[in-house]
PDB file of N, CA and C in Angstrom:
ATOM      1  N   MET A   1     -25.402  -8.402 -17.609  1.00  0.00           N
ATOM      2  CA  MET A   1     -26.470  -8.906 -18.446  1.00  0.00           C
ATOM      3  C   MET A   1     -25.877  -9.397 -19.767  1.00  0.00           C
ATOM      4  N   ALA A   2     -26.254 -10.595 -20.191  1.00  0.00           N
ATOM      5  CA  ALA A   2     -25.733 -11.187 -21.423  1.00  0.00           C
ATOM      6  C   ALA A   2     -26.320 -10.487 -22.643  1.00  0.00           C
ATOM      7  N   GLU A   3     -25.479 -10.307 -23.640  1.00  0.00           N
ATOM      8  CA  GLU A   3     -25.943  -9.707 -24.889  1.00  0.00           C
ATOM      9  C   GLU A   3     -26.135 -10.833 -25.911  1.00  0.00           C
ATOM     10  N   TRP A   4     -27.326 -10.900 -26.506  1.00  0.00           N
ATOM     11  CA  TRP A   4     -27.651 -11.945 -27.470  1.00  0.00           C
ATOM     12  C   TRP A   4     -27.561 -11.389 -28.876  1.00  0.00           C
ATOM     13  N   LYS A   5     -27.001 -12.153 -29.756  1.00  0.00           N
ATOM     14  CA  LYS A   5     -26.936 -11.801 -31.164  1.00  0.00           C
ATOM     15  C   LYS A   5     -27.634 -12.898 -31.955  1.00  0.00           C
ATOM     16  N   MET A   6     -28.186 -12.550 -33.115  1.00  0.00           N
ATOM     17  CA  MET A   6     -28.918 -13.529 -33.909  1.00  0.00           C
ATOM     18  C   MET A   6     -28.035 -14.713 -34.297  1.00  0.00           C
ATOM     19  N   LYS A   7     -26.722 -14.506 -34.429  1.00  0.00           N
ATOM     20  CA  LYS A   7     -25.836 -15.615 -34.792  1.00  0.00           C
ATOM     21  C   LYS A   7     -25.739 -16.646 -33.672  1.00  0.00           C
ATOM     22  N   ASP A   8     -26.200 -16.292 -32.459  1.00  0.00           N
ATOM     23  CA  ASP A   8     -26.166 -17.220 -31.337  1.00  0.00           C
ATOM     24  C   ASP A   8     -27.292 -18.256 -31.400  1.00  0.00           C
ATOM     25  N   PHE A   9     -28.246 -18.060 -32.292  1.00  0.00           N
ATOM     26  CA  PHE A   9     -29.403 -18.947 -32.393  1.00  0.00           C
ATOM     27  C   PHE A   9     -29.289 -19.830 -33.628  1.00  0.00           C
ATOM     28  N   ASP A  10     -29.559 -21.109 -33.465  1.00  0.00           N
ATOM     29  CA  ASP A  10     -29.565 -22.038 -34.595  1.00  0.00           C
ATOM     30  C   ASP A  10     -31.002 -22.163 -35.086  1.00  0.00           C
ATOM     31  N   LEU A  11     -31.437 -21.194 -35.891  1.00  0.00           N
ATOM     32  CA  LEU A  11     -32.824 -21.164 -36.351  1.00  0.00           C
ATOM     33  C   LEU A  11     -33.128 -22.310 -37.309  1.00  0.00           C
ATOM     34  N   VAL A  12     -32.182 -22.649 -38.173  1.00  0.00           N
ATOM     35  CA  VAL A  12     -32.390 -23.741 -39.121  1.00  0.00           C
ATOM     36  C   VAL A  12     -32.450 -25.079 -38.390  1.00  0.00           C
ATOM     37  N   GLY A  13     -31.614 -25.252 -37.363  1.00  0.00           N
ATOM     38  CA  GLY A  13     -31.577 -26.498 -36.609  1.00  0.00           C
ATOM     39  C   GLY A  13     -32.855 -26.784 -35.845  1.00  0.00           C
ATOM     40  N   GLN A  14     -33.679 -25.762 -35.648  1.00  0.00           N
ATOM     41  CA  GLN A  14     -34.927 -25.944 -34.919  1.00  0.00           C
ATOM     42  C   GLN A  14     -36.108 -26.287 -35.826  1.00  0.00           C
ATOM     43  N   LEU A  15     -35.851 -26.358 -37.128  1.00  0.00           N
ATOM     44  CA  LEU A  15     -36.924 -26.735 -38.043  1.00  0.00           C
ATOM     45  C   LEU A  15     -37.263 -28.204 -37.860  1.00  0.00           C
ATOM     46  N   GLY A  16     -38.478 -28.559 -38.204  1.00  0.00           N
ATOM     47  CA  GLY A  16     -38.909 -29.945 -38.102  1.00  0.00           C
ATOM     48  C   GLY A  16     -38.208 -30.828 -39.124  1.00  0.00           C
ATOM     49  N   LYS A  17     -38.262 -32.107 -38.895  1.00  0.00           N
ATOM     50  CA  LYS A  17     -37.656 -33.082 -39.809  1.00  0.00           C
ATOM     51  C   LYS A  17     -38.693 -33.656 -40.769  1.00  0.00           C
ATOM     52  N   GLU A  18     -39.968 -33.607 -40.384  1.00  0.00           N
ATOM     53  CA  GLU A  18     -41.045 -34.109 -41.239  1.00  0.00           C
ATOM     54  C   GLU A  18     -41.748 -32.908 -41.859  1.00  0.00           C
ATOM     55  N   LEU A  19     -41.359 -32.566 -43.090  1.00  0.00           N
ATOM     56  CA  LEU A  19     -41.854 -31.368 -43.763  1.00  0.00           C
ATOM     57  C   LEU A  19     -42.897 -31.754 -44.806  1.00  0.00           C
ATOM     58  N   LEU A  20     -44.139 -31.389 -44.540  1.00  0.00           N
ATOM     59  CA  LEU A  20     -45.269 -31.707 -45.411  1.00  0.00           C
ATOM     60  C   LEU A  20     -45.528 -30.536 -46.342  1.00  0.00           C
ATOM     61  N   LEU A  21     -45.435 -30.767 -47.640  1.00  0.00           N
ATOM     62  CA  LEU A  21     -45.655 -29.726 -48.643  1.00  0.00           C
ATOM     63  C   LEU A  21     -47.155 -29.522 -48.831  1.00  0.00           C
ATOM     64  N   VAL A  22     -47.624 -28.276 -48.668  1.00  0.00           N
ATOM     65  CA  VAL A  22     -49.055 -28.011 -48.807  1.00  0.00           C
ATOM     66  C   VAL A  22     -49.384 -26.995 -49.895  1.00  0.00           C
ATOM     67  N   GLU A  23     -48.397 -26.208 -50.342  1.00  0.00           N
ATOM     68  CA  GLU A  23     -48.681 -25.222 -51.377  1.00  0.00           C
ATOM     69  C   GLU A  23     -47.420 -24.883 -52.164  1.00  0.00           C
ATOM     70  N   VAL A  24     -47.609 -24.691 -53.468  1.00  0.00           N
ATOM     71  CA  VAL A  24     -46.526 -24.280 -54.369  1.00  0.00           C
ATOM     72  C   VAL A  24     -47.013 -23.045 -55.108  1.00  0.00           C
ATOM     73  N   SER A  25     -46.193 -21.997 -55.109  1.00  0.00           N
ATOM     74  CA  SER A  25     -46.585 -20.783 -55.840  1.00  0.00           C
ATOM     75  C   SER A  25     -45.351 -20.124 -56.450  1.00  0.00           C
ATOM     76  N   PRO A  26     -45.527 -19.473 -57.610  1.00  0.00           N
ATOM     77  CA  PRO A  26     -44.392 -18.786 -58.220  1.00  0.00           C
ATOM     78  C   PRO A  26     -43.977 -17.579 -57.394  1.00  0.00           C
ATOM     79  N   LYS A  27     -42.678 -17.306 -57.381  1.00  0.00           N
ATOM     80  CA  LYS A  27     -42.141 -16.151 -56.666  1.00  0.00           C
ATOM     81  C   LYS A  27     -41.833 -15.068 -57.702  1.00  0.00           C
ATOM     82  N   PRO A  28     -42.519 -13.933 -57.629  1.00  0.00           N
ATOM     83  CA  PRO A  28     -42.284 -12.894 -58.638  1.00  0.00           C
ATOM     84  C   PRO A  28     -40.901 -12.262 -58.498  1.00  0.00           C
ATOM     85  N   LYS A  29     -40.342 -11.850 -59.639  1.00  0.00           N
ATOM     86  CA  LYS A  29     -39.043 -11.177 -59.656  1.00  0.00           C
ATOM     87  C   LYS A  29     -39.265  -9.675 -59.476  1.00  0.00           C
ATOM     88  N   TYR A  30     -38.418  -9.059 -58.665  1.00  0.00           N
ATOM     89  CA  TYR A  30     -38.487  -7.619 -58.415  1.00  0.00           C
ATOM     90  C   TYR A  30     -37.199  -6.952 -58.870  1.00  0.00           C
ATOM     91  N   GLU A  31     -37.340  -5.743 -59.390  1.00  0.00           N
ATOM     92  CA  GLU A  31     -36.179  -4.915 -59.718  1.00  0.00           C
ATOM     93  C   GLU A  31     -36.450  -3.502 -59.239  1.00  0.00           C
ATOM     94  N   LYS A  32     -35.373  -2.821 -58.878  1.00  0.00           N
ATOM     95  CA  LYS A  32     -35.502  -1.463 -58.379  1.00  0.00           C
ATOM     96  C   LYS A  32     -35.816  -0.499 -59.528  1.00  0.00           C
ATOM     97  N   ASN A  33     -36.860   0.289 -59.354  1.00  0.00           N
ATOM     98  CA  ASN A  33     -37.218   1.324 -60.318  1.00  0.00           C
ATOM     99  C   ASN A  33     -36.339   2.530 -60.028  1.00  0.00           C
ATOM    100  N   GLU A  34     -35.518   2.923 -60.988  1.00  0.00           N
ATOM    101  CA  GLU A  34     -34.565   4.020 -60.780  1.00  0.00           C
ATOM    102  C   GLU A  34     -35.276   5.361 -60.548  1.00  0.00           C
ATOM    103  N   VAL A  35     -36.483   5.521 -61.068  1.00  0.00           N
ATOM    104  CA  VAL A  35     -37.214   6.782 -60.920  1.00  0.00           C
ATOM    105  C   VAL A  35     -37.818   6.907 -59.525  1.00  0.00           C
ATOM    106  N   THR A  36     -38.527   5.841 -59.102  1.00  0.00           N
ATOM    107  CA  THR A  36     -39.218   5.908 -57.807  1.00  0.00           C
ATOM    108  C   THR A  36     -38.348   5.409 -56.657  1.00  0.00           C
ATOM    109  N   GLY A  37     -37.322   4.601 -56.963  1.00  0.00           N
ATOM    110  CA  GLY A  37     -36.476   4.037 -55.917  1.00  0.00           C
ATOM    111  C   GLY A  37     -37.104   2.839 -55.228  1.00  0.00           C
ATOM    112  N   LYS A  38     -38.275   2.399 -55.709  1.00  0.00           N
ATOM    113  CA  LYS A  38     -38.969   1.262 -55.098  1.00  0.00           C
ATOM    114  C   LYS A  38     -38.743  -0.002 -55.923  1.00  0.00           C
ATOM    115  N   ASN A  39     -38.814  -1.140 -55.245  1.00  0.00           N
ATOM    116  CA  ASN A  39     -38.755  -2.423 -55.943  1.00  0.00           C
ATOM    117  C   ASN A  39     -40.114  -2.695 -56.561  1.00  0.00           C
ATOM    118  N   GLU A  40     -40.119  -3.059 -57.845  1.00  0.00           N
ATOM    119  CA  GLU A  40     -41.363  -3.326 -58.552  1.00  0.00           C
ATOM    120  C   GLU A  40     -41.272  -4.669 -59.263  1.00  0.00           C
ATOM    121  N   ARG A  41     -42.432  -5.328 -59.404  1.00  0.00           N
ATOM    122  CA  ARG A  41     -42.488  -6.610 -60.108  1.00  0.00           C
ATOM    123  C   ARG A  41     -42.154  -6.420 -61.577  1.00  0.00           C
ATOM    124  N   THR A  42     -41.396  -7.384 -62.103  1.00  0.00           N
ATOM    125  CA  THR A  42     -40.998  -7.314 -63.512  1.00  0.00           C
ATOM    126  C   THR A  42     -41.936  -8.113 -64.413  1.00  0.00           C
ATOM    127  N   GLY A  43     -42.756  -8.970 -63.830  1.00  0.00           N
ATOM    128  CA  GLY A  43     -43.599  -9.861 -64.623  1.00  0.00           C
ATOM    129  C   GLY A  43     -42.941 -11.210 -64.854  1.00  0.00           C
ATOM    130  N   GLU A  44     -41.691 -11.350 -64.441  1.00  0.00           N
ATOM    131  CA  GLU A  44     -40.963 -12.612 -64.578  1.00  0.00           C
ATOM    132  C   GLU A  44     -41.051 -13.400 -63.265  1.00  0.00           C
ATOM    133  N   ILE A  45     -40.728 -14.687 -63.355  1.00  0.00           N
ATOM    134  CA  ILE A  45     -40.715 -15.549 -62.167  1.00  0.00           C
ATOM    135  C   ILE A  45     -39.266 -15.746 -61.733  1.00  0.00           C
ATOM    136  N   ASP A  46     -39.023 -15.575 -60.424  1.00  0.00           N
ATOM    137  CA  ASP A  46     -37.672 -15.660 -59.858  1.00  0.00           C
ATOM    138  C   ASP A  46     -37.475 -16.941 -59.051  1.00  0.00           C
ATOM    139  N   GLY A  47     -38.323 -17.920 -59.253  1.00  0.00           N
ATOM    140  CA  GLY A  47     -38.262 -19.165 -58.493  1.00  0.00           C
ATOM    141  C   GLY A  47     -39.641 -19.528 -57.985  1.00  0.00           C
ATOM    142  N   TYR A  48     -39.667 -20.361 -56.939  1.00  0.00           N
ATOM    143  CA  TYR A  48     -40.942 -20.824 -56.390  1.00  0.00           C
ATOM    144  C   TYR A  48     -40.894 -20.792 -54.869  1.00  0.00           C
ATOM    145  N   THR A  49     -42.050 -20.560 -54.283  1.00  0.00           N
ATOM    146  CA  THR A  49     -42.187 -20.561 -52.836  1.00  0.00           C
ATOM    147  C   THR A  49     -43.012 -21.782 -52.448  1.00  0.00           C
ATOM    148  N   TYR A  50     -42.528 -22.503 -51.452  1.00  0.00           N
ATOM    149  CA  TYR A  50     -43.166 -23.729 -50.984  1.00  0.00           C
ATOM    150  C   TYR A  50     -43.618 -23.521 -49.541  1.00  0.00           C
ATOM    151  N   GLU A  51     -44.903 -23.752 -49.292  1.00  0.00           N
ATOM    152  CA  GLU A  51     -45.391 -23.683 -47.914  1.00  0.00           C
ATOM    153  C   GLU A  51     -45.333 -25.078 -47.331  1.00  0.00           C
ATOM    154  N   LEU A  52     -44.674 -25.186 -46.181  1.00  0.00           N
ATOM    155  CA  LEU A  52     -44.448 -26.474 -45.538  1.00  0.00           C
ATOM    156  C   LEU A  52     -45.025 -26.469 -44.132  1.00  0.00           C
ATOM    157  N   LEU A  53     -45.619 -27.589 -43.738  1.00  0.00           N
ATOM    158  CA  LEU A  53     -46.041 -27.798 -42.362  1.00  0.00           C
ATOM    159  C   LEU A  53     -45.039 -28.734 -41.705  1.00  0.00           C
ATOM    160  N   MET A  54     -44.585 -28.355 -40.516  1.00  0.00           N
ATOM    161  CA  MET A  54     -43.639 -29.192 -39.778  1.00  0.00           C
ATOM    162  C   MET A  54     -44.446 -30.137 -38.897  1.00  0.00           C
ATOM    163  N   LYS A  55     -44.653 -31.358 -39.393  1.00  0.00           N
ATOM    164  CA  LYS A  55     -45.509 -32.329 -38.725  1.00  0.00           C
ATOM    165  C   LYS A  55     -45.041 -32.627 -37.302  1.00  0.00           C
ATOM    166  N   ASP A  56     -43.716 -32.687 -37.107  1.00  0.00           N
ATOM    167  CA  ASP A  56     -43.168 -32.999 -35.787  1.00  0.00           C
ATOM    168  C   ASP A  56     -43.008 -31.752 -34.906  1.00  0.00           C
ATOM    169  N   LYS A  57     -43.506 -30.601 -35.369  1.00  0.00           N
ATOM    170  CA  LYS A  57     -43.469 -29.359 -34.582  1.00  0.00           C
ATOM    171  C   LYS A  57     -44.877 -28.768 -34.477  1.00  0.00           C
ATOM    172  N   LYS A  58     -45.837 -29.646 -34.195  1.00  0.00           N
ATOM    173  CA  LYS A  58     -47.240 -29.249 -34.007  1.00  0.00           C
ATOM    174  C   LYS A  58     -47.816 -28.534 -35.230  1.00  0.00           C
ATOM    175  N   TYR A  59     -47.367 -28.949 -36.406  1.00  0.00           N
ATOM    176  CA  TYR A  59     -47.857 -28.444 -37.697  1.00  0.00           C
ATOM    177  C   TYR A  59     -47.656 -26.939 -37.887  1.00  0.00           C
ATOM    178  N   LYS A  60     -46.618 -26.392 -37.290  1.00  0.00           N
ATOM    179  CA  LYS A  60     -46.284 -24.988 -37.557  1.00  0.00           C
ATOM    180  C   LYS A  60     -45.838 -24.888 -39.007  1.00  0.00           C
ATOM    181  N   SER A  61     -46.091 -23.749 -39.626  1.00  0.00           N
ATOM    182  CA  SER A  61     -45.782 -23.625 -41.049  1.00  0.00           C
ATOM    183  C   SER A  61     -44.637 -22.655 -41.296  1.00  0.00           C
ATOM    184  N   ILE A  62     -43.943 -22.905 -42.402  1.00  0.00           N
ATOM    185  CA  ILE A  62     -42.920 -21.984 -42.901  1.00  0.00           C
ATOM    186  C   ILE A  62     -43.072 -21.904 -44.416  1.00  0.00           C
ATOM    187  N   ARG A  63     -42.602 -20.812 -44.969  1.00  0.00           N
ATOM    188  CA  ARG A  63     -42.553 -20.645 -46.425  1.00  0.00           C
ATOM    189  C   ARG A  63     -41.085 -20.568 -46.815  1.00  0.00           C
ATOM    190  N   VAL A  64     -40.705 -21.383 -47.797  1.00  0.00           N
ATOM    191  CA  VAL A  64     -39.319 -21.464 -48.226  1.00  0.00           C
ATOM    192  C   VAL A  64     -39.243 -21.121 -49.711  1.00  0.00           C
ATOM    193  N   SER A  65     -38.358 -20.183 -50.052  1.00  0.00           N
ATOM    194  CA  SER A  65     -38.151 -19.805 -51.449  1.00  0.00           C
ATOM    195  C   SER A  65     -36.976 -20.581 -52.029  1.00  0.00           C
ATOM    196  N   VAL A  66     -37.142 -21.031 -53.273  1.00  0.00           N
ATOM    197  CA  VAL A  66     -36.089 -21.738 -53.982  1.00  0.00           C
ATOM    198  C   VAL A  66     -35.996 -21.134 -55.381  1.00  0.00           C
ATOM    199  N   SER A  67     -34.785 -20.719 -55.771  1.00  0.00           N
ATOM    200  CA  SER A  67     -34.579 -20.191 -57.122  1.00  0.00           C
ATOM    201  C   SER A  67     -34.480 -21.363 -58.085  1.00  0.00           C
ATOM    202  N   SER A  68     -35.437 -21.457 -58.999  1.00  0.00           N
ATOM    203  CA  SER A  68     -35.438 -22.518 -60.002  1.00  0.00           C
ATOM    204  C   SER A  68     -36.342 -22.103 -61.149  1.00  0.00           C
ATOM    205  N   SER A  69     -36.110 -22.702 -62.310  1.00  0.00           N
ATOM    206  CA  SER A  69     -36.919 -22.357 -63.480  1.00  0.00           C
ATOM    207  C   SER A  69     -38.250 -23.105 -63.494  1.00  0.00           C
ATOM    208  N   GLU A  70     -38.318 -24.229 -62.797  1.00  0.00           N
ATOM    209  CA  GLU A  70     -39.543 -25.035 -62.728  1.00  0.00           C
ATOM    210  C   GLU A  70     -39.774 -25.495 -61.289  1.00  0.00           C
ATOM    211  N   PRO A  71     -41.046 -25.648 -60.873  1.00  0.00           N
ATOM    212  CA  PRO A  71     -41.307 -26.190 -59.530  1.00  0.00           C
ATOM    213  C   PRO A  71     -41.047 -27.696 -59.503  1.00  0.00           C
ATOM    214  N   ILE A  72     -40.810 -28.252 -58.319  1.00  0.00           N
ATOM    215  CA  ILE A  72     -40.604 -29.707 -58.227  1.00  0.00           C
ATOM    216  C   ILE A  72     -41.908 -30.450 -58.458  1.00  0.00           C
ATOM    217  N   ILE A  73     -43.033 -29.760 -58.234  1.00  0.00           N
ATOM    218  CA  ILE A  73     -44.370 -30.317 -58.438  1.00  0.00           C
ATOM    219  C   ILE A  73     -45.317 -29.126 -58.592  1.00  0.00           C
ATOM    220  N   THR A  74     -46.298 -29.240 -59.454  1.00  0.00           N
ATOM    221  CA  THR A  74     -47.264 -28.148 -59.600  1.00  0.00           C
ATOM    222  C   THR A  74     -48.324 -28.263 -58.511  1.00  0.00           C
ATOM    223  N   GLN A  75     -49.067 -27.191 -58.289  1.00  0.00           N
ATOM    224  CA  GLN A  75     -50.109 -27.220 -57.268  1.00  0.00           C
ATOM    225  C   GLN A  75     -51.176 -28.260 -57.608  1.00  0.00           C
ATOM    226  N   SER A  76     -51.544 -28.381 -58.880  1.00  0.00           N
ATOM    227  CA  SER A  76     -52.573 -29.367 -59.253  1.00  0.00           C
ATOM    228  C   SER A  76     -52.070 -30.795 -59.049  1.00  0.00           C
ATOM    229  N   GLU A  77     -50.778 -31.049 -59.346  1.00  0.00           N
ATOM    230  CA  GLU A  77     -50.206 -32.375 -59.090  1.00  0.00           C
ATOM    231  C   GLU A  77     -50.162 -32.656 -57.594  1.00  0.00           C
ATOM    232  N   LEU A  78     -49.835 -31.633 -56.815  1.00  0.00           N
ATOM    233  CA  LEU A  78     -49.783 -31.775 -55.360  1.00  0.00           C
ATOM    234  C   LEU A  78     -51.162 -32.098 -54.792  1.00  0.00           C
ATOM    235  N   ASP A  79     -52.187 -31.428 -55.311  1.00  0.00           N
ATOM    236  CA  ASP A  79     -53.558 -31.680 -54.844  1.00  0.00           C
ATOM    237  C   ASP A  79     -53.971 -33.126 -55.087  1.00  0.00           C
ATOM    238  N   LYS A  80     -53.529 -33.704 -56.196  1.00  0.00           N
ATOM    239  CA  LYS A  80     -53.875 -35.086 -56.536  1.00  0.00           C
ATOM    240  C   LYS A  80     -53.023 -36.099 -55.780  1.00  0.00           C
ATOM    241  N   ALA A  81     -51.799 -35.714 -55.428  1.00  0.00           N
ATOM    242  CA  ALA A  81     -50.831 -36.653 -54.842  1.00  0.00           C
ATOM    243  C   ALA A  81     -51.116 -37.026 -53.392  1.00  0.00           C
ATOM    244  N   GLY A  82     -51.855 -36.217 -52.678  1.00  0.00           N
ATOM    245  CA  GLY A  82     -52.062 -36.487 -51.255  1.00  0.00           C
ATOM    246  C   GLY A  82     -50.859 -36.017 -50.459  1.00  0.00           C
ATOM    247  N   GLU A  83     -50.594 -36.660 -49.324  1.00  0.00           N
ATOM    248  CA  GLU A  83     -49.485 -36.239 -48.468  1.00  0.00           C
ATOM    249  C   GLU A  83     -48.158 -36.344 -49.212  1.00  0.00           C
ATOM    250  N   THR A  84     -47.456 -35.221 -49.287  1.00  0.00           N
ATOM    251  CA  THR A  84     -46.168 -35.174 -49.975  1.00  0.00           C
ATOM    252  C   THR A  84     -45.140 -34.547 -49.038  1.00  0.00           C
ATOM    253  N   PHE A  85     -44.156 -35.343 -48.626  1.00  0.00           N
ATOM    254  CA  PHE A  85     -43.112 -34.860 -47.735  1.00  0.00           C
ATOM    255  C   PHE A  85     -41.871 -34.507 -48.551  1.00  0.00           C
ATOM    256  N   VAL A  86     -41.133 -33.500 -48.081  1.00  0.00           N
ATOM    257  CA  VAL A  86     -39.967 -33.019 -48.813  1.00  0.00           C
ATOM    258  C   VAL A  86     -38.755 -32.892 -47.894  1.00  0.00           C
ATOM    259  N   THR A  87     -37.591 -32.786 -48.516  1.00  0.00           N
ATOM    260  CA  THR A  87     -36.355 -32.455 -47.810  1.00  0.00           C
ATOM    261  C   THR A  87     -35.797 -31.188 -48.449  1.00  0.00           C
ATOM    262  N   LEU A  88     -35.049 -30.428 -47.676  1.00  0.00           N
ATOM    263  CA  LEU A  88     -34.465 -29.177 -48.147  1.00  0.00           C
ATOM    264  C   LEU A  88     -32.952 -29.302 -48.204  1.00  0.00           C
ATOM    265  N   GLU A  89     -32.361 -28.653 -49.199  1.00  0.00           N
ATOM    266  CA  GLU A  89     -30.903 -28.626 -49.337  1.00  0.00           C
ATOM    267  C   GLU A  89     -30.422 -27.199 -49.145  1.00  0.00           C
ATOM    268  N   GLY A  90     -29.399 -27.029 -48.351  1.00  0.00           N
ATOM    269  CA  GLY A  90     -28.770 -25.718 -48.187  1.00  0.00           C
ATOM    270  C   GLY A  90     -29.721 -24.628 -47.746  1.00  0.00           C
ATOM    271  N   ILE A  91     -30.460 -24.882 -46.684  1.00  0.00           N
ATOM    272  CA  ILE A  91     -31.431 -23.884 -46.224  1.00  0.00           C
ATOM    273  C   ILE A  91     -30.739 -22.812 -45.378  1.00  0.00           C
ATOM    274  N   HIS A  92     -31.167 -21.578 -45.592  1.00  0.00           N
ATOM    275  CA  HIS A  92     -30.649 -20.424 -44.861  1.00  0.00           C
ATOM    276  C   HIS A  92     -31.828 -19.648 -44.295  1.00  0.00           C
ATOM    277  N   CYS A  93     -31.623 -19.078 -43.116  1.00  0.00           N
ATOM    278  CA  CYS A  93     -32.656 -18.284 -42.466  1.00  0.00           C
ATOM    279  C   CYS A  93     -32.157 -16.863 -42.281  1.00  0.00           C
ATOM    280  N   ASN A  94     -33.001 -15.893 -42.649  1.00  0.00           N
ATOM    281  CA  ASN A  94     -32.653 -14.486 -42.502  1.00  0.00           C
ATOM    282  C   ASN A  94     -33.707 -13.799 -41.630  1.00  0.00           C
ATOM    283  N   PRO A  95     -33.372 -13.445 -40.394  1.00  0.00           N
ATOM    284  CA  PRO A  95     -34.330 -12.719 -39.558  1.00  0.00           C
ATOM    285  C   PRO A  95     -34.409 -11.256 -39.990  1.00  0.00           C
ATOM    286  N   TYR A  96     -35.593 -10.669 -39.904  1.00  0.00           N
ATOM    287  CA  TYR A  96     -35.778  -9.258 -40.224  1.00  0.00           C
ATOM    288  C   TYR A  96     -36.933  -8.711 -39.399  1.00  0.00           C
ATOM    289  N   VAL A  97     -37.052  -7.400 -39.337  1.00  0.00           N
ATOM    290  CA  VAL A  97     -38.115  -6.756 -38.563  1.00  0.00           C
ATOM    291  C   VAL A  97     -39.163  -6.227 -39.536  1.00  0.00           C
ATOM    292  N   SER A  98     -40.421  -6.573 -39.269  1.00  0.00           N
ATOM    293  CA  SER A  98     -41.543  -6.117 -40.083  1.00  0.00           C
ATOM    294  C   SER A  98     -42.662  -5.662 -39.150  1.00  0.00           C
ATOM    295  N   ASN A  99     -43.051  -4.419 -39.268  1.00  0.00           N
ATOM    296  CA  ASN A  99     -44.108  -3.851 -38.409  1.00  0.00           C
ATOM    297  C   ASN A  99     -43.812  -4.039 -36.926  1.00  0.00           C
ATOM    298  N   GLY A 100     -42.559  -3.917 -36.552  1.00  0.00           N
ATOM    299  CA  GLY A 100     -42.171  -4.012 -35.157  1.00  0.00           C
ATOM    300  C   GLY A 100     -42.024  -5.430 -34.622  1.00  0.00           C
ATOM    301  N   PHE A 101     -42.179  -6.436 -35.487  1.00  0.00           N
ATOM    302  CA  PHE A 101     -42.060  -7.830 -35.064  1.00  0.00           C
ATOM    303  C   PHE A 101     -40.900  -8.487 -35.809  1.00  0.00           C
ATOM    304  N   ILE A 102     -40.256  -9.434 -35.150  1.00  0.00           N
ATOM    305  CA  ILE A 102     -39.197 -10.191 -35.805  1.00  0.00           C
ATOM    306  C   ILE A 102     -39.843 -11.276 -36.658  1.00  0.00           C
ATOM    307  N   SER A 103     -39.458 -11.331 -37.916  1.00  0.00           N
ATOM    308  CA  SER A 103     -39.943 -12.348 -38.844  1.00  0.00           C
ATOM    309  C   SER A 103     -38.743 -13.106 -39.391  1.00  0.00           C
ATOM    310  N   LEU A 104     -39.018 -14.254 -39.993  1.00  0.00           N
ATOM    311  CA  LEU A 104     -37.955 -15.084 -40.539  1.00  0.00           C
ATOM    312  C   LEU A 104     -38.217 -15.351 -42.012  1.00  0.00           C
ATOM    313  N   SER A 105     -37.173 -15.217 -42.818  1.00  0.00           N
ATOM    314  CA  SER A 105     -37.251 -15.514 -44.240  1.00  0.00           C
ATOM    315  C   SER A 105     -36.376 -16.738 -44.498  1.00  0.00           C
ATOM    316  N   PHE A 106     -36.939 -17.755 -45.155  1.00  0.00           N
ATOM    317  CA  PHE A 106     -36.203 -18.984 -45.436  1.00  0.00           C
ATOM    318  C   PHE A 106     -35.961 -19.122 -46.929  1.00  0.00           C
ATOM    319  N   LYS A 107     -34.715 -19.427 -47.286  1.00  0.00           N
ATOM    320  CA  LYS A 107     -34.337 -19.711 -48.675  1.00  0.00           C
ATOM    321  C   LYS A 107     -33.555 -21.009 -48.673  1.00  0.00           C
ATOM    322  N   ALA A 108     -33.773 -21.807 -49.704  1.00  0.00           N
ATOM    323  CA  ALA A 108     -33.046 -23.070 -49.829  1.00  0.00           C
ATOM    324  C   ALA A 108     -32.436 -23.161 -51.219  1.00  0.00           C
ATOM    325  N   GLU A 109     -31.336 -23.889 -51.310  1.00  0.00           N
ATOM    326  CA  GLU A 109     -30.695 -24.117 -52.605  1.00  0.00           C
ATOM    327  C   GLU A 109     -31.459 -25.141 -53.416  1.00  0.00           C
ATOM    328  N   GLY A 110     -32.183 -26.041 -52.735  1.00  0.00           N
ATOM    329  CA  GLY A 110     -32.950 -27.060 -53.430  1.00  0.00           C
ATOM    330  C   GLY A 110     -33.999 -27.680 -52.537  1.00  0.00           C
ATOM    331  N   ILE A 111     -34.953 -28.329 -53.159  1.00  0.00           N
ATOM    332  CA  ILE A 111     -36.016 -29.030 -52.446  1.00  0.00           C
ATOM    333  C   ILE A 111     -36.287 -30.333 -53.205  1.00  0.00           C
ATOM    334  N   ASN A 112     -36.493 -31.416 -52.475  1.00  0.00           N
ATOM    335  CA  ASN A 112     -36.721 -32.725 -53.097  1.00  0.00           C
ATOM    336  C   ASN A 112     -37.908 -33.415 -52.448  1.00  0.00           C
ATOM    337  N   ILE A 113     -38.650 -34.141 -53.260  1.00  0.00           N
ATOM    338  CA  ILE A 113     -39.777 -34.932 -52.745  1.00  0.00           C
ATOM    339  C   ILE A 113     -39.221 -36.222 -52.166  1.00  0.00           C
ATOM    340  N   LYS A 114     -39.646 -36.537 -50.940  1.00  0.00           N
ATOM    341  CA  LYS A 114     -39.238 -37.804 -50.314  1.00  0.00           C
ATOM    342  C   LYS A 114     -40.047 -38.932 -50.942  1.00  0.00           C
ATOM    343  N   LYS A 115     -39.387 -40.039 -51.163  1.00  0.00           N
ATOM    344  CA  LYS A 115     -40.105 -41.201 -51.683  1.00  0.00           C
ATOM    345  C   LYS A 115     -41.010 -41.750 -50.585  1.00  0.00           C
ATOM    346  N   LYS A 116     -42.223 -42.123 -50.988  1.00  0.00           N
ATOM    347  CA  LYS A 116     -43.184 -42.670 -50.023  1.00  0.00           C
ATOM    348  C   LYS A 116     -42.718 -44.048 -49.569  1.00  0.00           C
ATOM    349  N   GLN A 117     -42.804 -44.254 -48.255  1.00  0.00           N
ATOM    350  CA  GLN A 117     -42.440 -45.546 -47.679  1.00  0.00           C
ATOM    351  C   GLN A 117     -43.606 -46.515 -47.848  1.00  0.00           C
ATOM    352  N   PRO A 118     -43.347 -47.762 -48.258  1.00  0.00           N
ATOM    353  CA  PRO A 118     -44.440 -48.737 -48.380  1.00  0.00           C
ATOM    354  C   PRO A 118     -45.066 -49.009 -47.024  1.00  0.00           C
ATOM    355  N   ALA A 119     -46.375 -49.193 -47.026  1.00  0.00           N
ATOM    356  CA  ALA A 119     -47.120 -49.397 -45.769  1.00  0.00           C
ATOM    357  C   ALA A 119     -46.887 -50.760 -45.188  1.00  0.00           C
TER     358      ALA A 119
END
């Protein structure tokens, strides 16, 4: 029987190429509390999380975190802009187990808005 390891799967390569940005939200910063041993919010922002729909993958969604001091677009600007497609730079996928299910965490080094093609 073959043994499968997570490194055998190209999770990033299976992402869609047409990434539609639908939500932008700040990512809270966490630090370990030395007394309780738990990670707690510091009140600071540690980057932004972008929810993307993969148009060419039946609109499945992913959330991608990017460490940055400012978002590439605010939620209110996104709401006014209409369809906004993006590209990701240096994306990494980290599988983990949550409540007995395998989940995926996506982080990228950067995110850019694609220029709209003239009709």
